[in-house]
C-alpha cells in the first residue's frame, strides 16, 4: 500500500490525503471500493469535504479494513 494508505487520521498532521490507490471497483457485496474501501458517496464527495470529514472517512476505512480482515480469517 502507498503512503496515503497508511495515513493515521488521529495523529498525522497536514492536509488529509486521498485514500485512492487507483484500484477502482465497487464490491457488490460490501458497496465499498475494493481499492480504498470508500463508499461511492464518500468518493464523490471527497473534494468538497472538510479536513475533519476526510479524517472521519479514514477512520471508517480502518474499521472496514478490520471487518474485511476478520471475514477472510473466518473462512
Protein backbone atom coordinates (compact mmCIF):
# COMPACT_ATOMS: atom_id res chain seq x y z
CA UNK A 1 0.00 0.00 0.00
CA UNK A 2 1.12 3.52 -0.68
CA UNK A 3 1.86 6.23 1.86
CA UNK A 4 -1.72 7.51 1.73
CA UNK A 5 -2.97 4.02 2.57
CA UNK A 6 -1.03 4.30 5.83
CA UNK A 7 -2.39 7.71 6.88
CA UNK A 8 -3.32 7.98 10.55
CA UNK A 9 -6.30 10.33 10.88
CA UNK A 10 -5.71 10.79 14.59
CA UNK A 11 -2.02 11.68 14.59
CA UNK A 12 -0.82 12.68 11.11
CA UNK A 13 -0.79 16.44 10.60
CA UNK A 14 -1.26 18.43 7.43
CA UNK A 15 -3.67 18.02 4.57
CA UNK A 16 -5.58 14.75 4.53
CA UNK A 17 -4.51 12.62 1.54
CA UNK A 18 -6.97 10.79 -0.64
CA UNK A 19 -7.07 7.07 0.15
CA UNK A 20 -7.41 6.29 -3.58
CA UNK A 21 -4.86 3.74 -4.82
CA UNK A 22 -6.15 3.65 -8.42
CA UNK A 23 -7.94 0.31 -7.98
CA UNK A 24 -11.49 1.42 -8.62
CA UNK A 25 -14.02 -1.41 -8.38
CA UNK A 26 -17.14 -1.32 -6.23
CA UNK A 27 -17.85 -4.59 -4.46
CA UNK A 28 -21.38 -5.87 -4.97
CA UNK A 29 -21.14 -7.45 -1.52
CA UNK A 30 -19.93 -4.52 0.60
CA UNK A 31 -20.67 -1.49 -1.58
CA UNK A 32 -17.10 -0.30 -0.93
CA UNK A 33 -14.39 0.39 -3.46
CA UNK A 34 -12.09 -2.64 -3.42
CA UNK A 35 -9.04 -0.35 -3.60
CA UNK A 36 -9.74 2.30 -0.97
CA UNK A 37 -12.72 0.88 0.96
CA UNK A 38 -14.80 4.03 0.45
CA UNK A 39 -18.47 4.10 -0.49
CA UNK A 40 -19.50 5.89 -3.68
CA UNK A 41 -20.84 8.91 -1.79
CA UNK A 42 -17.52 9.24 0.05
CA UNK A 43 -15.58 9.05 -3.20
CA UNK A 44 -17.84 11.57 -4.97
CA UNK A 45 -17.92 13.97 -2.04
CA UNK A 46 -14.22 13.85 -1.17
CA UNK A 47 -13.22 17.10 -2.91
CA UNK A 48 -15.87 19.12 -1.06
CA UNK A 49 -15.29 17.62 2.38
CA UNK A 50 -13.69 19.46 5.27
CA UNK A 51 -10.44 18.10 6.67
CA UNK A 52 -12.39 16.81 9.70
CA UNK A 53 -14.84 14.97 7.44
CA UNK A 54 -11.96 13.43 5.49
CA UNK A 55 -10.41 12.22 8.74
CA UNK A 56 -13.76 10.66 9.65
CA UNK A 57 -13.76 8.81 6.31
CA UNK A 58 -10.28 7.49 7.08
CA UNK A 59 -11.49 6.22 10.44
CA UNK A 60 -14.33 4.37 8.72
CA UNK A 61 -11.84 2.92 6.21
CA UNK A 62 -9.81 1.40 9.03
CA UNK A 63 -12.96 -0.14 10.53
CA UNK A 64 -13.87 -1.59 7.13
CA UNK A 65 -10.37 -3.00 6.65
CA UNK A 66 -10.64 -4.74 10.01
CA UNK A 67 -14.06 -6.12 9.04
CA UNK A 68 -12.64 -7.47 5.77
CA UNK A 69 -9.67 -8.99 7.58
CA UNK A 70 -11.95 -10.72 10.10
CA UNK A 71 -14.19 -12.02 7.30
CA UNK A 72 -11.22 -13.50 5.42
CA UNK A 73 -9.76 -15.05 8.58
CA UNK A 74 -13.10 -16.67 9.40
CA UNK A 75 -13.13 -18.55 6.07
